[in-house]
Amino acid sequence: MSRFLQIAGLVLGLSALVLQICITVPASMEAGRSFVGSLVFYFSFFTILTNIGAVLVHVSLLSPGGYAWFPAFAGPRMRAGVAVAITLVFIVYATVLARLWQPQGLFLLCDVLLHYVTPVLFVLWWLMAGADGSTRWRDISWWMVYPVAYLVYVLARAPISGEVPYPFLNVATNGAASVAASALVVTGLFLALCIAAVLADHGVSRIRSPGVR
């Protein structure tokens, strides 16, 4: 079952990412961006970056060739960190972003796959086979680098590009105080998910090996 989840996560995640870039770049160029600008726009989304991470975890574990290319993604720290990040993708989209737009057609398909299906598949796989009890509390400091670095990048890029990937990070529209509050809430949620991941990792490991202490 865990291998099925992993293969499904890889196939659906990679397919959704490829389809998303194929429909996003032309639409972005029609909106006035250059080809390079459209690629930068595509890779500026936390959802896209995190789903790429999930795909690389699957690739690194499913084949020796994948492990040779992406060994860092096979480790337990990376697996747990991606599980945390992709859970954040699911929660923030379902509770905040989903109501802000109504995608249609292929955009809707990618939307469902990248925000709902791949996160559920990855977390289920991680709980079944990816978690091994080896995470430590100090790993949280490494996981936190990702959302903090992402926020710094988005906010630093905004005055130059005149756009942000997510509306709640738009200083020009919402004001600095509102954006700071939103960033703190999302970062706090990420931290809470990190704590839950360490507890879940150790808990799942004890359930699998009840005699080991």
N, C-alpha and C. Protein backbone atom coordinates (compact mmCIF):
# COMPACT_ATOMS: atom_id res chain seq x y z
N MET A 1 0.83 -1.21 0.00
CA MET A 1 0.00 0.00 0.00
C MET A 1 0.86 1.26 0.00
N SER A 2 1.93 1.25 0.80
CA SER A 2 2.79 2.44 0.87
C SER A 2 3.48 2.69 -0.47
N ARG A 3 3.87 1.61 -1.15
CA ARG A 3 4.51 1.79 -2.46
C ARG A 3 3.50 2.32 -3.48
N PHE A 4 2.27 1.84 -3.39
CA PHE A 4 1.23 2.36 -4.28
C PHE A 4 1.04 3.86 -4.06
N LEU A 5 0.98 4.27 -2.80
CA LEU A 5 0.82 5.70 -2.50
C LEU A 5 1.99 6.50 -3.05
N GLN A 6 3.18 5.93 -2.94
CA GLN A 6 4.37 6.65 -3.41
C GLN A 6 4.37 6.78 -4.94
N ILE A 7 4.04 5.69 -5.62
CA ILE A 7 4.00 5.74 -7.09
C ILE A 7 2.89 6.67 -7.55
N ALA A 8 1.73 6.61 -6.90
CA ALA A 8 0.63 7.50 -7.25
C ALA A 8 1.01 8.95 -7.01
N GLY A 9 1.69 9.21 -5.89
CA GLY A 9 2.13 10.56 -5.60
C GLY A 9 3.11 11.08 -6.63
N LEU A 10 4.02 10.21 -7.06
CA LEU A 10 5.00 10.60 -8.07
C LEU A 10 4.33 10.89 -9.41
N VAL A 11 3.49 9.96 -9.87
CA VAL A 11 2.86 10.10 -11.18
C VAL A 11 1.93 11.31 -11.22
N LEU A 12 1.06 11.42 -10.21
CA LEU A 12 0.10 12.52 -10.20
C LEU A 12 0.79 13.87 -9.95
N GLY A 13 1.77 13.86 -9.04
CA GLY A 13 2.48 15.11 -8.74
C GLY A 13 3.26 15.61 -9.93
N LEU A 14 4.01 14.73 -10.58
CA LEU A 14 4.80 15.13 -11.74
C LEU A 14 3.90 15.55 -12.89
N SER A 15 2.83 14.80 -13.12
CA SER A 15 1.89 15.15 -14.19
C SER A 15 1.26 16.52 -13.95
N ALA A 16 0.87 16.78 -12.71
CA ALA A 16 0.24 18.06 -12.38
C ALA A 16 1.23 19.21 -12.55
N LEU A 17 2.47 19.01 -12.15
CA LEU A 17 3.48 20.07 -12.28
C LEU A 17 3.75 20.38 -13.74
N VAL A 18 3.87 19.34 -14.56
CA VAL A 18 4.12 19.56 -15.99
C VAL A 18 2.93 20.24 -16.65
N LEU A 19 1.73 19.74 -16.34
CA LEU A 19 0.53 20.35 -16.91
C LEU A 19 0.38 21.80 -16.45
N GLN A 20 0.69 22.05 -15.19
CA GLN A 20 0.55 23.41 -14.66
C GLN A 20 1.49 24.39 -15.36
N ILE A 21 2.71 23.97 -15.61
CA ILE A 21 3.64 24.88 -16.29
C ILE A 21 3.24 25.07 -17.75
N CYS A 22 2.66 24.03 -18.36
CA CYS A 22 2.25 24.13 -19.76
C CYS A 22 1.07 25.08 -19.96
N ILE A 23 0.23 25.21 -18.94
CA ILE A 23 -0.91 26.13 -19.09
C ILE A 23 -0.64 27.48 -18.43
N THR A 24 0.26 27.51 -17.45
CA THR A 24 0.54 28.77 -16.76
C THR A 24 1.40 29.71 -17.60
N VAL A 25 2.44 29.18 -18.21
CA VAL A 25 3.36 30.03 -18.96
C VAL A 25 2.67 30.75 -20.12
N PRO A 26 1.88 30.05 -20.97
CA PRO A 26 1.18 30.79 -22.04
C PRO A 26 0.20 31.83 -21.49
N ALA A 27 -0.54 31.46 -20.42
CA ALA A 27 -1.48 32.41 -19.83
C ALA A 27 -0.75 33.61 -19.24
N SER A 28 0.41 33.36 -18.64
CA SER A 28 1.20 34.44 -18.07
C SER A 28 1.75 35.36 -19.14
N MET A 29 2.17 34.79 -20.26
CA MET A 29 2.70 35.61 -21.36
C MET A 29 1.58 36.44 -21.99
N GLU A 30 0.38 35.87 -22.05
CA GLU A 30 -0.75 36.64 -22.55
C GLU A 30 -1.07 37.83 -21.64
N ALA A 31 -0.74 37.67 -20.36
CA ALA A 31 -0.98 38.76 -19.40
C ALA A 31 0.10 39.83 -19.45
N GLY A 32 1.13 39.62 -20.28
CA GLY A 32 2.14 40.66 -20.47
C GLY A 32 3.53 40.32 -19.97
N ARG A 33 3.72 39.17 -19.34
CA ARG A 33 5.05 38.79 -18.88
C ARG A 33 5.86 38.20 -20.02
N SER A 34 7.17 38.27 -19.90
CA SER A 34 8.04 37.61 -20.87
C SER A 34 8.07 36.12 -20.56
N PHE A 35 8.71 35.36 -21.43
CA PHE A 35 8.82 33.92 -21.19
C PHE A 35 9.59 33.64 -19.91
N VAL A 36 10.72 34.32 -19.75
CA VAL A 36 11.51 34.13 -18.53
C VAL A 36 10.73 34.60 -17.30
N GLY A 37 10.06 35.74 -17.44
CA GLY A 37 9.25 36.25 -16.34
C GLY A 37 8.13 35.29 -15.97
N SER A 38 7.58 34.61 -16.97
CA SER A 38 6.52 33.65 -16.72
C SER A 38 7.05 32.42 -15.98
N LEU A 39 8.27 32.00 -16.33
CA LEU A 39 8.88 30.89 -15.61
C LEU A 39 9.17 31.27 -14.16
N VAL A 40 9.69 32.48 -13.96
CA VAL A 40 9.95 32.95 -12.60
C VAL A 40 8.64 33.02 -11.81
N PHE A 41 7.60 33.50 -12.45
CA PHE A 41 6.28 33.56 -11.81
C PHE A 41 5.82 32.17 -11.40
N TYR A 42 5.97 31.19 -12.28
CA TYR A 42 5.56 29.81 -11.98
C TYR A 42 6.31 29.26 -10.77
N PHE A 43 7.61 29.46 -10.74
CA PHE A 43 8.43 28.90 -9.66
C PHE A 43 8.42 29.78 -8.39
N SER A 44 7.59 30.81 -8.37
CA SER A 44 7.50 31.67 -7.19
C SER A 44 6.41 31.21 -6.22
N PHE A 45 5.70 30.15 -6.56
CA PHE A 45 4.63 29.67 -5.70
C PHE A 45 5.13 28.61 -4.73
N PHE A 46 4.81 28.78 -3.46
CA PHE A 46 5.17 27.81 -2.42
C PHE A 46 4.61 26.44 -2.77
N THR A 47 3.41 26.41 -3.33
CA THR A 47 2.78 25.15 -3.73
C THR A 47 3.63 24.40 -4.75
N ILE A 48 4.11 25.11 -5.75
CA ILE A 48 4.91 24.48 -6.80
C ILE A 48 6.22 23.97 -6.24
N LEU A 49 6.92 24.80 -5.49
CA LEU A 49 8.21 24.40 -4.93
C LEU A 49 8.07 23.19 -4.01
N THR A 50 7.01 23.18 -3.20
CA THR A 50 6.82 22.09 -2.26
C THR A 50 6.44 20.79 -2.98
N ASN A 51 5.62 20.89 -4.00
CA ASN A 51 5.28 19.70 -4.78
C ASN A 51 6.49 19.16 -5.53
N ILE A 52 7.36 20.04 -5.98
CA ILE A 52 8.61 19.58 -6.58
C ILE A 52 9.42 18.80 -5.56
N GLY A 53 9.47 19.31 -4.33
CA GLY A 53 10.17 18.60 -3.26
C GLY A 53 9.59 17.22 -3.02
N ALA A 54 8.26 17.12 -3.02
CA ALA A 54 7.61 15.83 -2.81
C ALA A 54 7.94 14.86 -3.93
N VAL A 55 7.92 15.34 -5.17
CA VAL A 55 8.26 14.49 -6.31
C VAL A 55 9.70 14.00 -6.20
N LEU A 56 10.62 14.87 -5.79
CA LEU A 56 12.03 14.48 -5.66
C LEU A 56 12.23 13.45 -4.55
N VAL A 57 11.45 13.56 -3.47
CA VAL A 57 11.51 12.53 -2.42
C VAL A 57 11.11 11.18 -3.01
N HIS A 58 9.99 11.15 -3.73
CA HIS A 58 9.53 9.91 -4.33
C HIS A 58 10.56 9.35 -5.31
N VAL A 59 11.09 10.21 -6.17
CA VAL A 59 12.07 9.77 -7.17
C VAL A 59 13.30 9.19 -6.49
N SER A 60 13.78 9.86 -5.44
CA SER A 60 15.02 9.42 -4.78
C SER A 60 14.87 8.07 -4.10
N LEU A 61 13.65 7.70 -3.74
CA LEU A 61 13.43 6.45 -3.02
C LEU A 61 12.95 5.31 -3.90
N LEU A 62 12.40 5.64 -5.05
CA LEU A 62 11.82 4.60 -5.90
C LEU A 62 12.82 3.93 -6.84
N SER A 63 13.96 4.57 -7.08
CA SER A 63 14.93 3.98 -8.01
C SER A 63 16.35 4.32 -7.59
N PRO A 64 17.29 3.40 -7.84
CA PRO A 64 18.70 3.70 -7.54
C PRO A 64 19.19 4.93 -8.29
N GLY A 65 18.73 5.08 -9.54
CA GLY A 65 19.14 6.25 -10.32
C GLY A 65 18.64 7.53 -9.69
N GLY A 66 17.39 7.49 -9.17
CA GLY A 66 16.84 8.67 -8.51
C GLY A 66 17.62 9.01 -7.27
N TYR A 67 18.02 7.99 -6.52
CA TYR A 67 18.81 8.23 -5.30
C TYR A 67 20.16 8.84 -5.65
N ALA A 68 20.75 8.38 -6.76
CA ALA A 68 22.06 8.90 -7.16
C ALA A 68 21.97 10.39 -7.51
N TRP A 69 20.85 10.80 -8.11
CA TRP A 69 20.69 12.19 -8.50
C TRP A 69 20.24 13.08 -7.35
N PHE A 70 19.39 12.55 -6.49
CA PHE A 70 18.81 13.39 -5.43
C PHE A 70 18.93 12.71 -4.05
N PRO A 71 20.15 12.39 -3.61
CA PRO A 71 20.31 11.66 -2.34
C PRO A 71 19.81 12.44 -1.12
N ALA A 72 19.90 13.76 -1.17
CA ALA A 72 19.49 14.56 -0.02
C ALA A 72 18.01 14.41 0.26
N PHE A 73 17.22 14.12 -0.77
CA PHE A 73 15.77 14.02 -0.60
C PHE A 73 15.33 12.66 -0.06
N ALA A 74 16.25 11.72 0.06
CA ALA A 74 15.91 10.39 0.56
C ALA A 74 15.99 10.30 2.08
N GLY A 75 16.63 11.27 2.71
CA GLY A 75 16.84 11.21 4.15
C GLY A 75 15.59 11.46 4.97
N PRO A 76 15.54 10.95 6.20
CA PRO A 76 14.36 11.12 7.05
C PRO A 76 14.06 12.57 7.40
N ARG A 77 15.08 13.41 7.56
CA ARG A 77 14.84 14.82 7.86
C ARG A 77 14.12 15.50 6.71
N MET A 78 14.56 15.23 5.47
CA MET A 78 13.92 15.84 4.31
C MET A 78 12.51 15.31 4.13
N ARG A 79 12.32 14.02 4.31
CA ARG A 79 10.98 13.44 4.15
C ARG A 79 9.99 14.09 5.11
N ALA A 80 10.39 14.23 6.35
CA ALA A 80 9.51 14.84 7.35
C ALA A 80 9.28 16.32 7.06
N GLY A 81 10.33 17.02 6.63
CA GLY A 81 10.20 18.44 6.32
C GLY A 81 9.25 18.68 5.17
N VAL A 82 9.32 17.83 4.15
CA VAL A 82 8.40 17.96 3.02
C VAL A 82 6.98 17.64 3.46
N ALA A 83 6.82 16.66 4.34
CA ALA A 83 5.49 16.34 4.86
C ALA A 83 4.88 17.54 5.58
N VAL A 84 5.69 18.25 6.33
CA VAL A 84 5.22 19.46 7.03
C VAL A 84 4.82 20.53 6.02
N ALA A 85 5.70 20.79 5.05
CA ALA A 85 5.46 21.86 4.09
C ALA A 85 4.23 21.58 3.23
N ILE A 86 4.05 20.34 2.81
CA ILE A 86 2.92 20.04 1.93
C ILE A 86 1.61 20.00 2.71
N THR A 87 1.69 19.74 4.01
CA THR A 87 0.51 19.87 4.86
C THR A 87 0.11 21.33 4.97
N LEU A 88 1.10 22.21 5.08
CA LEU A 88 0.81 23.65 5.11
C LEU A 88 0.13 24.09 3.81
N VAL A 89 0.60 23.57 2.68
CA VAL A 89 -0.02 23.87 1.39
C VAL A 89 -1.51 23.53 1.43
N PHE A 90 -1.82 22.35 1.91
CA PHE A 90 -3.21 21.89 1.99
C PHE A 90 -4.04 22.80 2.89
N ILE A 91 -3.54 23.09 4.07
CA ILE A 91 -4.32 23.85 5.06
C ILE A 91 -4.56 25.29 4.61
N VAL A 92 -3.49 25.97 4.18
CA VAL A 92 -3.63 27.37 3.79
C VAL A 92 -4.54 27.51 2.57
N TYR A 93 -4.39 26.60 1.62
CA TYR A 93 -5.25 26.71 0.44
C TYR A 93 -6.71 26.43 0.79
N ALA A 94 -6.94 25.36 1.55
CA ALA A 94 -8.31 24.98 1.86
C ALA A 94 -9.02 26.02 2.72
N THR A 95 -8.28 26.69 3.60
CA THR A 95 -8.92 27.61 4.53
C THR A 95 -8.91 29.07 4.09
N VAL A 96 -7.95 29.45 3.24
CA VAL A 96 -7.80 30.86 2.89
C VAL A 96 -7.92 31.12 1.38
N LEU A 97 -7.15 30.39 0.60
CA LEU A 97 -6.99 30.74 -0.81
C LEU A 97 -8.08 30.20 -1.72
N ALA A 98 -8.67 29.08 -1.37
CA ALA A 98 -9.63 28.43 -2.28
C ALA A 98 -10.81 29.34 -2.62
N ARG A 99 -11.20 30.17 -1.67
CA ARG A 99 -12.36 31.02 -1.91
C ARG A 99 -12.04 32.29 -2.70
N LEU A 100 -10.76 32.52 -3.00
CA LEU A 100 -10.37 33.75 -3.66
C LEU A 100 -10.42 33.66 -5.18
N TRP A 101 -10.52 32.44 -5.71
CA TRP A 101 -10.63 32.33 -7.17
C TRP A 101 -11.37 31.06 -7.52
N GLN A 102 -11.87 31.00 -8.73
CA GLN A 102 -12.65 29.86 -9.21
C GLN A 102 -12.03 29.34 -10.50
N PRO A 103 -11.02 28.47 -10.38
CA PRO A 103 -10.38 27.94 -11.59
C PRO A 103 -11.33 27.06 -12.39
N GLN A 104 -11.08 26.99 -13.68
CA GLN A 104 -11.90 26.18 -14.57
C GLN A 104 -11.01 25.27 -15.41
N GLY A 105 -11.60 24.20 -15.92
CA GLY A 105 -10.90 23.33 -16.85
C GLY A 105 -9.63 22.73 -16.29
N LEU A 106 -8.55 22.82 -17.09
CA LEU A 106 -7.27 22.24 -16.67
C LEU A 106 -6.69 22.94 -15.45
N PHE A 107 -6.97 24.23 -15.30
CA PHE A 107 -6.51 24.94 -14.09
C PHE A 107 -7.15 24.34 -12.85
N LEU A 108 -8.42 23.96 -12.95
CA LEU A 108 -9.11 23.33 -11.82
C LEU A 108 -8.50 21.97 -11.52
N LEU A 109 -8.19 21.21 -12.56
CA LEU A 109 -7.58 19.89 -12.37
C LEU A 109 -6.25 20.02 -11.64
N CYS A 110 -5.39 20.92 -12.11
CA CYS A 110 -4.10 21.12 -11.44
C CYS A 110 -4.29 21.62 -10.02
N ASP A 111 -5.26 22.49 -9.84
CA ASP A 111 -5.56 23.05 -8.53
C ASP A 111 -5.87 21.93 -7.53
N VAL A 112 -6.75 21.03 -7.92
CA VAL A 112 -7.14 19.92 -7.04
C VAL A 112 -5.97 18.98 -6.79
N LEU A 113 -5.24 18.65 -7.83
CA LEU A 113 -4.12 17.72 -7.69
C LEU A 113 -3.03 18.27 -6.78
N LEU A 114 -2.62 19.52 -7.01
CA LEU A 114 -1.47 20.07 -6.29
C LEU A 114 -1.79 20.53 -4.87
N HIS A 115 -3.04 20.90 -4.61
CA HIS A 115 -3.39 21.40 -3.29
C HIS A 115 -4.07 20.37 -2.38
N TYR A 116 -4.65 19.36 -2.99
CA TYR A 116 -5.39 18.39 -2.19
C TYR A 116 -4.87 16.95 -2.34
N VAL A 117 -4.78 16.49 -3.58
CA VAL A 117 -4.46 15.08 -3.81
C VAL A 117 -3.02 14.75 -3.43
N THR A 118 -2.06 15.49 -3.98
CA THR A 118 -0.66 15.17 -3.67
C THR A 118 -0.31 15.37 -2.20
N PRO A 119 -0.82 16.39 -1.52
CA PRO A 119 -0.55 16.48 -0.08
C PRO A 119 -1.08 15.28 0.70
N VAL A 120 -2.30 14.86 0.40
CA VAL A 120 -2.87 13.71 1.12
C VAL A 120 -2.06 12.44 0.84
N LEU A 121 -1.72 12.21 -0.42
CA LEU A 121 -0.94 11.03 -0.77
C LEU A 121 0.42 11.03 -0.08
N PHE A 122 1.08 12.21 -0.07
CA PHE A 122 2.42 12.26 0.52
C PHE A 122 2.37 12.03 2.03
N VAL A 123 1.45 12.67 2.71
CA VAL A 123 1.37 12.54 4.17
C VAL A 123 0.98 11.11 4.56
N LEU A 124 0.05 10.51 3.84
CA LEU A 124 -0.32 9.12 4.11
C LEU A 124 0.87 8.21 3.91
N TRP A 125 1.60 8.43 2.81
CA TRP A 125 2.80 7.60 2.58
C TRP A 125 3.82 7.81 3.69
N TRP A 126 4.04 9.06 4.07
CA TRP A 126 5.04 9.34 5.11
C TRP A 126 4.67 8.65 6.42
N LEU A 127 3.41 8.70 6.80
CA LEU A 127 2.98 8.06 8.03
C LEU A 127 3.11 6.54 7.96
N MET A 128 2.87 5.98 6.77
CA MET A 128 2.92 4.53 6.61
C MET A 128 4.34 3.99 6.47
N ALA A 129 5.20 4.73 5.75
CA ALA A 129 6.52 4.19 5.45
C ALA A 129 7.67 5.17 5.58
N GLY A 130 7.39 6.47 5.43
CA GLY A 130 8.47 7.45 5.44
C GLY A 130 8.95 7.84 6.82
N ALA A 131 8.05 7.80 7.80
CA ALA A 131 8.42 8.14 9.18
C ALA A 131 9.12 6.95 9.82
N ASP A 132 10.25 7.20 10.48
CA ASP A 132 11.00 6.09 11.08
C ASP A 132 11.48 6.38 12.50
N GLY A 133 11.01 7.47 13.09
CA GLY A 133 11.38 7.78 14.47
C GLY A 133 12.74 8.44 14.63
N SER A 134 13.38 8.80 13.53
CA SER A 134 14.74 9.35 13.63
C SER A 134 14.79 10.87 13.67
N THR A 135 13.66 11.54 13.52
CA THR A 135 13.69 13.01 13.58
C THR A 135 13.98 13.47 15.00
N ARG A 136 14.58 14.64 15.12
CA ARG A 136 14.92 15.22 16.41
C ARG A 136 14.37 16.63 16.49
N TRP A 137 14.22 17.13 17.71
CA TRP A 137 13.67 18.47 17.88
C TRP A 137 14.53 19.51 17.19
N ARG A 138 15.82 19.28 17.12
CA ARG A 138 16.69 20.26 16.46
C ARG A 138 16.44 20.33 14.95
N ASP A 139 15.80 19.30 14.38
CA ASP A 139 15.50 19.34 12.95
C ASP A 139 14.52 20.46 12.61
N ILE A 140 13.73 20.86 13.58
CA ILE A 140 12.75 21.92 13.33
C ILE A 140 13.42 23.20 12.86
N SER A 141 14.60 23.50 13.42
CA SER A 141 15.31 24.72 13.02
C SER A 141 15.68 24.66 11.54
N TRP A 142 15.99 23.47 11.03
CA TRP A 142 16.30 23.32 9.61
C TRP A 142 15.04 23.45 8.76
N TRP A 143 13.96 22.87 9.19
CA TRP A 143 12.70 22.94 8.43
C TRP A 143 12.20 24.38 8.34
N MET A 144 12.40 25.15 9.40
CA MET A 144 11.91 26.53 9.42
C MET A 144 12.63 27.43 8.43
N VAL A 145 13.81 27.03 7.99
CA VAL A 145 14.55 27.83 7.02
C VAL A 145 13.75 28.01 5.73
N TYR A 146 13.03 26.96 5.34
CA TYR A 146 12.30 26.99 4.06
C TYR A 146 11.22 28.07 4.03
N PRO A 147 10.25 28.08 4.94
CA PRO A 147 9.22 29.13 4.84
C PRO A 147 9.76 30.53 5.08
N VAL A 148 10.74 30.65 5.97
CA VAL A 148 11.30 31.99 6.25
C VAL A 148 12.04 32.51 5.01
N ALA A 149 12.85 31.64 4.39
CA ALA A 149 13.57 32.05 3.17
C ALA A 149 12.58 32.38 2.06
N TYR A 150 11.50 31.62 1.98
CA TYR A 150 10.49 31.89 0.95
C TYR A 150 9.84 33.25 1.16
N LEU A 151 9.47 33.55 2.39
CA LEU A 151 8.86 34.84 2.69
C LEU A 151 9.81 35.99 2.37
N VAL A 152 11.07 35.84 2.72
CA VAL A 152 12.06 36.87 2.43
C VAL A 152 12.16 37.08 0.92
N TYR A 153 12.20 35.99 0.18
CA TYR A 153 12.30 36.09 -1.28
C TYR A 153 11.08 36.80 -1.87
N VAL A 154 9.89 36.38 -1.46
CA VAL A 154 8.66 36.95 -2.02
C VAL A 154 8.56 38.44 -1.71
N LEU A 155 8.83 38.81 -0.46
CA LEU A 155 8.69 40.21 -0.06
C LEU A 155 9.79 41.09 -0.67
N ALA A 156 10.98 40.51 -0.87
CA ALA A 156 12.06 41.27 -1.50
C ALA A 156 11.82 41.43 -3.00
N ARG A 157 11.19 40.45 -3.60
CA ARG A 157 10.93 40.49 -5.04
C ARG A 157 9.75 41.39 -5.40
N ALA A 158 8.81 41.54 -4.47
CA ALA A 158 7.56 42.27 -4.75
C ALA A 158 7.79 43.69 -5.27
N PRO A 159 8.65 44.52 -4.64
CA PRO A 159 8.84 45.89 -5.15
C PRO A 159 9.45 45.91 -6.55
N ILE A 160 10.20 44.87 -6.90
CA ILE A 160 10.87 44.83 -8.20
C ILE A 160 9.91 44.35 -9.28
N SER A 161 9.18 43.27 -8.98
CA SER A 161 8.29 42.68 -9.97
C SER A 161 6.90 43.31 -9.96
N GLY A 162 6.54 43.93 -8.85
CA GLY A 162 5.21 44.53 -8.74
C GLY A 162 4.12 43.51 -8.52
N GLU A 163 4.47 42.30 -8.07
CA GLU A 163 3.47 41.26 -7.85
C GLU A 163 3.93 40.31 -6.75
N VAL A 164 2.97 39.62 -6.16
CA VAL A 164 3.25 38.58 -5.18
C VAL A 164 2.42 37.36 -5.57
N PRO A 165 2.88 36.15 -5.24
CA PRO A 165 2.13 34.95 -5.62
C PRO A 165 0.85 34.75 -4.83
N TYR A 166 0.79 35.32 -3.61
CA TYR A 166 -0.39 35.12 -2.77
C TYR A 166 -0.91 36.48 -2.29
N PRO A 167 -2.21 36.70 -2.39
CA PRO A 167 -2.79 38.02 -2.07
C PRO A 167 -2.50 38.51 -0.66
N PHE A 168 -2.45 37.61 0.33
CA PHE A 168 -2.25 38.06 1.70
C PHE A 168 -0.83 38.56 1.96
N LEU A 169 0.05 38.43 0.97
CA LEU A 169 1.41 38.94 1.10
C LEU A 169 1.62 40.23 0.32
N ASN A 170 0.54 40.83 -0.16
CA ASN A 170 0.63 42.05 -0.95
C ASN A 170 0.64 43.27 -0.04
N VAL A 171 1.81 43.85 0.16
CA VAL A 171 1.95 45.02 1.03
C VAL A 171 1.22 46.23 0.46
N ALA A 172 1.27 46.39 -0.86
CA ALA A 172 0.65 47.55 -1.49
C ALA A 172 -0.86 47.57 -1.28
N THR A 173 -1.46 46.40 -1.25
CA THR A 173 -2.91 46.30 -1.09
C THR A 173 -3.34 46.22 0.37
N ASN A 174 -2.63 45.43 1.15
CA ASN A 174 -3.05 45.13 2.52
C ASN A 174 -2.34 45.95 3.59
N GLY A 175 -1.21 46.54 3.25
CA GLY A 175 -0.44 47.27 4.24
C GLY A 175 0.58 46.37 4.92
N ALA A 176 1.65 46.99 5.40
CA ALA A 176 2.74 46.22 5.99
C ALA A 176 2.31 45.47 7.25
N ALA A 177 1.47 46.10 8.07
CA ALA A 177 1.05 45.47 9.32
C ALA A 177 0.25 44.20 9.06
N SER A 178 -0.66 44.26 8.09
CA SER A 178 -1.48 43.10 7.76
C SER A 178 -0.63 41.96 7.19
N VAL A 179 0.31 42.30 6.32
CA VAL A 179 1.18 41.29 5.73
C VAL A 179 2.06 40.66 6.81
N ALA A 180 2.58 41.49 7.72
CA ALA A 180 3.41 40.97 8.81
C ALA A 180 2.61 40.02 9.68
N ALA A 181 1.35 40.38 9.97
CA ALA A 181 0.50 39.51 10.79
C ALA A 181 0.23 38.19 10.07
N SER A 182 -0.06 38.26 8.77
CA SER A 182 -0.30 37.04 7.99
C SER A 182 0.94 36.16 7.96
N ALA A 183 2.11 36.78 7.76
CA ALA A 183 3.35 36.02 7.72
C ALA A 183 3.63 35.34 9.05
N LEU A 184 3.34 36.04 10.15
CA LEU A 184 3.55 35.45 11.47
C LEU A 184 2.59 34.28 11.72
N VAL A 185 1.35 34.43 11.28
CA VAL A 185 0.38 33.35 11.46
C VAL A 185 0.80 32.11 10.68
N VAL A 186 1.19 32.30 9.41
CA VAL A 186 1.59 31.16 8.58
C VAL A 186 2.86 30.52 9.13
N THR A 187 3.81 31.35 9.56
CA THR A 187 5.05 30.81 10.13
C THR A 187 4.77 30.07 11.43
N GLY A 188 3.86 30.62 12.23
CA GLY A 188 3.48 29.93 13.47
C GLY A 188 2.80 28.61 13.19
N LEU A 189 1.95 28.57 12.17
CA LEU A 189 1.31 27.32 11.78
C LEU A 189 2.33 26.30 11.32
N PHE A 190 3.31 26.76 10.54
CA PHE A 190 4.37 25.86 10.09
C PHE A 190 5.13 25.29 11.28
N LEU A 191 5.43 26.13 12.26
CA LEU A 191 6.13 25.67 13.46
C LEU A 191 5.31 24.63 14.21
N ALA A 192 4.01 24.88 14.35
CA ALA A 192 3.13 23.91 15.02
C ALA A 192 3.11 22.58 14.27
N LEU A 193 3.11 22.64 12.95
CA LEU A 193 3.13 21.42 12.15
C LEU A 193 4.46 20.68 12.30
N CYS A 194 5.54 21.44 12.45
CA CYS A 194 6.85 20.82 12.70
C CYS A 194 6.84 20.02 14.00
N ILE A 195 6.30 20.62 15.03
CA ILE A 195 6.21 19.94 16.33
C ILE A 195 5.35 18.69 16.20
N ALA A 196 4.21 18.81 15.51
CA ALA A 196 3.33 17.67 15.31
C ALA A 196 4.03 16.57 14.51
N ALA A 197 4.88 16.96 13.55
CA ALA A 197 5.58 15.97 12.74
C ALA A 197 6.58 15.16 13.56
N VAL A 198 7.31 15.83 14.44
CA VAL A 198 8.26 15.10 15.30
C VAL A 198 7.52 14.13 16.20
N LEU A 199 6.44 14.59 16.80
CA LEU A 199 5.64 13.73 17.68
C LEU A 199 5.05 12.55 16.89
N ALA A 200 4.54 12.83 15.69
CA ALA A 200 3.96 11.77 14.87
C ALA A 200 5.03 10.78 14.43
N ASP A 201 6.20 11.28 14.07
CA ASP A 201 7.29 10.41 13.64
C ASP A 201 7.67 9.43 14.75
N HIS A 202 7.82 9.94 15.95
CA HIS A 202 8.17 9.07 17.07
C HIS A 202 7.02 8.14 17.44
N GLY A 203 5.79 8.66 17.38
CA GLY A 203 4.63 7.85 17.72
C GLY A 203 4.43 6.70 16.74
N VAL A 204 4.55 6.99 15.45
CA VAL A 204 4.40 5.94 14.44
C VAL A 204 5.48 4.89 14.59
N SER A 205 6.71 5.34 14.88
CA SER A 205 7.81 4.40 15.07
C SER A 205 7.55 3.46 16.24
N ARG A 206 7.00 3.97 17.34
CA ARG A 206 6.70 3.12 18.50
C ARG A 206 5.56 2.14 18.20
N ILE A 207 4.60 2.59 17.38
CA ILE A 207 3.51 1.68 17.02
C ILE A 207 4.00 0.53 16.17
N ARG A 208 4.93 0.83 15.26
CA ARG A 208 5.48 -0.23 14.40
C ARG A 208 6.34 -1.19 15.19
N SER A 209 7.08 -0.67 16.18
CA SER A 209 7.98 -1.51 16.98
C SER A 209 7.66 -1.32 18.45
N PRO A 210 6.56 -1.92 18.92
CA PRO A 210 6.13 -1.69 20.29
C PRO A 210 7.12 -2.16 21.34
N GLY A 211 8.00 -3.07 20.95
CA GLY A 211 8.96 -3.59 21.94
C GLY A 211 10.21 -2.75 22.04
N VAL A 212 10.37 -1.78 21.16
CA VAL A 212 11.58 -0.96 21.15
C VAL A 212 11.35 0.31 21.95
N ARG A 213 12.26 0.63 22.84
CA ARG A 213 12.17 1.86 23.65
C ARG A 213 13.47 2.65 23.57
